[in-house]
Amino acid sequence: MPRRAIFLGSFPRHDGDADAVRRINAAGWQAVVITNEPELDDDLRSALLEDSARLDGVYHCPHDADAGCGCRKPGIALLERARDEMGIELASSWFIASDPIDLETARAAGMPGLLTRGAEADGLDQAVAQALAGISADRD
């Protein structure tokens, strides 16, 4: 059976975000970050682990915005890399977007996407719950 993932468009660093990652973990889905931000620092990764929240993969574009690479969102090279390395079926996965460009990335990869409700404490957790339930009220 192919693996399913919930891709996060940015690092989970707000209050309540660890709850969202734990929800992904408990559902048996992969929690994967796809971002244009610099790599996840060890302190943030340690804080998530202390909260029993596991990121299964972190993929980031190391290039400047003007580099014209395929891995910088809305390019899908990082999603394809995660698919190939982790055995993830993109069409059965979800992209939780922190920015509208993430929805473009999801659309280009043929997967549904949800835009979080800003920096609300439970915005990511609510979006994850919707994705896991297959609810697409905010789907683009």
Protein backbone atom coordinates (compact mmCIF):
# COMPACT_ATOMS: atom_id res chain seq x y z
CA MET A 1 0.00 0.00 0.00
CA PRO A 2 1.45 3.38 -0.98
CA ARG A 3 2.29 5.79 1.79
CA ARG A 4 0.28 8.95 2.25
CA ALA A 5 1.65 12.20 3.61
CA ILE A 6 0.56 15.55 4.80
CA PHE A 7 3.02 18.05 3.45
CA LEU A 8 3.47 21.23 5.46
CA GLY A 9 4.43 24.42 3.64
CA SER A 10 6.47 25.76 6.56
CA PHE A 11 8.04 24.57 9.77
CA PRO A 12 5.58 23.92 12.61
CA ARG A 13 6.57 26.59 15.12
CA HIS A 14 3.35 28.12 16.48
CA ASP A 15 1.47 27.16 19.62
CA GLY A 16 -0.57 24.08 18.86
CA ASP A 17 1.48 23.00 15.83
CA ALA A 18 2.95 20.03 17.70
CA ASP A 19 -0.64 18.82 18.20
CA ALA A 20 -1.12 18.87 14.44
CA VAL A 21 2.07 16.88 13.81
CA ARG A 22 1.10 14.35 16.50
CA ARG A 23 -2.32 13.99 14.82
CA ILE A 24 -0.57 13.19 11.50
CA ASN A 25 1.71 10.68 13.26
CA ALA A 26 -1.21 8.99 15.06
CA ALA A 27 -3.12 8.60 11.79
CA GLY A 28 -0.20 6.70 10.27
CA TRP A 29 0.51 9.37 7.65
CA GLN A 30 3.94 10.83 6.97
CA ALA A 31 4.54 14.40 8.23
CA VAL A 32 6.79 16.13 5.69
CA VAL A 33 7.89 19.76 5.44
CA ILE A 34 8.41 21.24 1.97
CA THR A 35 9.75 24.77 2.27
CA ASN A 36 11.77 27.59 0.78
CA GLU A 37 12.96 28.46 4.30
CA PRO A 38 16.43 27.55 5.58
CA GLU A 39 16.83 24.14 7.18
CA LEU A 40 15.05 23.30 10.41
CA ASP A 41 17.23 24.15 13.36
CA ASP A 42 18.01 21.45 15.91
CA ASP A 43 16.25 23.33 18.74
CA LEU A 44 12.92 23.33 16.88
CA ARG A 45 13.25 19.66 15.92
CA SER A 46 14.11 18.79 19.54
CA ALA A 47 11.11 20.78 20.83
CA LEU A 48 8.80 18.85 18.50
CA LEU A 49 10.26 15.53 19.61
CA GLU A 50 9.86 16.53 23.27
CA ASP A 51 6.17 17.03 22.45
CA SER A 52 6.10 13.55 20.85
CA ALA A 53 5.67 15.10 17.39
CA ARG A 54 7.78 13.53 14.62
CA LEU A 55 8.61 15.03 11.25
CA ASP A 56 9.29 12.15 8.86
CA GLY A 57 10.96 14.32 6.25
CA VAL A 58 12.20 17.87 5.76
CA TYR A 59 12.94 19.14 2.25
CA HIS A 60 14.05 22.69 1.63
CA CYS A 61 15.21 24.68 -1.37
CA PRO A 62 18.67 26.11 -0.70
CA HIS A 63 18.56 28.46 -3.71
CA ASP A 64 17.83 32.17 -3.92
CA ALA A 65 14.46 33.22 -5.32
CA ASP A 66 16.05 34.35 -8.59
CA ALA A 67 17.96 31.07 -9.18
CA GLY A 68 15.20 29.65 -11.39
CA CYS A 69 15.46 26.16 -9.90
CA GLY A 70 12.69 23.56 -9.96
CA CYS A 71 12.83 22.88 -6.24
CA ARG A 72 11.73 26.32 -5.11
CA LYS A 73 7.95 26.50 -4.64
CA PRO A 74 5.80 26.57 -6.69
CA GLY A 75 8.13 24.07 -8.39
CA ILE A 76 7.46 20.46 -7.46
CA ALA A 77 10.96 18.95 -7.48
CA LEU A 78 11.02 18.66 -3.66
CA LEU A 79 7.65 16.88 -3.67
CA GLU A 80 8.92 14.51 -6.35
CA ARG A 81 12.07 13.89 -4.32
CA ALA A 82 10.00 13.11 -1.20
CA ARG A 83 7.78 10.83 -3.31
CA ASP A 84 10.78 8.94 -4.66
CA GLU A 85 12.74 8.72 -1.39
CA MET A 86 9.82 7.98 0.93
CA GLY A 87 7.48 6.03 -1.36
CA ILE A 88 4.68 8.57 -1.01
CA GLU A 89 1.69 8.62 -3.35
CA LEU A 90 1.17 12.32 -4.06
CA ALA A 91 -2.40 12.03 -5.37
CA SER A 92 -3.48 10.46 -2.03
CA SER A 93 -1.64 13.05 0.05
CA TRP A 94 -2.45 16.61 1.12
CA PHE A 95 -0.52 19.88 1.15
CA ILE A 96 -1.27 22.15 4.11
CA ALA A 97 -0.42 25.59 2.82
CA SER A 98 0.83 28.49 4.87
CA ASP A 99 0.96 30.70 1.79
CA PRO A 100 -1.07 30.76 -1.45
CA ILE A 101 2.05 29.74 -3.40
CA ASP A 102 1.83 26.40 -1.58
CA LEU A 103 -1.58 25.84 -3.17
CA GLU A 104 0.03 26.37 -6.59
CA THR A 105 2.61 23.74 -5.65
CA ALA A 106 -0.11 21.28 -4.59
CA ARG A 107 -2.10 21.88 -7.77
CA ALA A 108 1.00 21.38 -9.95
CA ALA A 109 1.67 18.05 -8.20
CA GLY A 110 -1.93 16.89 -8.60
CA MET A 111 -2.77 16.86 -4.92
CA PRO A 112 -5.37 18.66 -2.81
CA GLY A 113 -4.30 21.59 -0.69
CA LEU A 114 -5.70 23.51 2.26
CA LEU A 115 -4.71 27.02 3.30
CA THR A 116 -4.28 27.42 7.06
CA ARG A 117 -6.04 30.23 8.82
CA GLY A 118 -3.03 32.41 9.52
CA ALA A 119 -1.14 32.14 12.77
CA GLU A 120 -4.15 31.07 14.84
CA ALA A 121 -3.03 28.72 17.58
CA ASP A 122 -5.11 25.86 16.20
CA GLY A 123 -5.05 26.76 12.49
CA LEU A 124 -2.64 24.01 11.46
CA ASP A 125 -4.34 21.44 13.68
CA GLN A 126 -7.75 22.25 12.16
CA ALA A 127 -6.37 22.00 8.62
CA VAL A 128 -4.74 18.64 9.41
CA ALA A 129 -8.01 17.33 10.88
CA GLN A 130 -9.83 18.40 7.70
CA ALA A 131 -7.26 16.73 5.46
CA LEU A 132 -7.32 13.48 7.42
CA ALA A 133 -11.12 13.46 7.23
CA GLY A 134 -11.03 14.25 3.50
CA ILE A 135 -12.93 17.47 4.08
CA SER A 136 -12.07 20.05 1.46
CA ALA A 137 -14.08 23.17 2.32
CA ASP A 138 -10.98 25.32 1.86
CA ARG A 139 -9.56 23.18 -0.93
CA ASP A 140 -8.35 25.05 -3.95
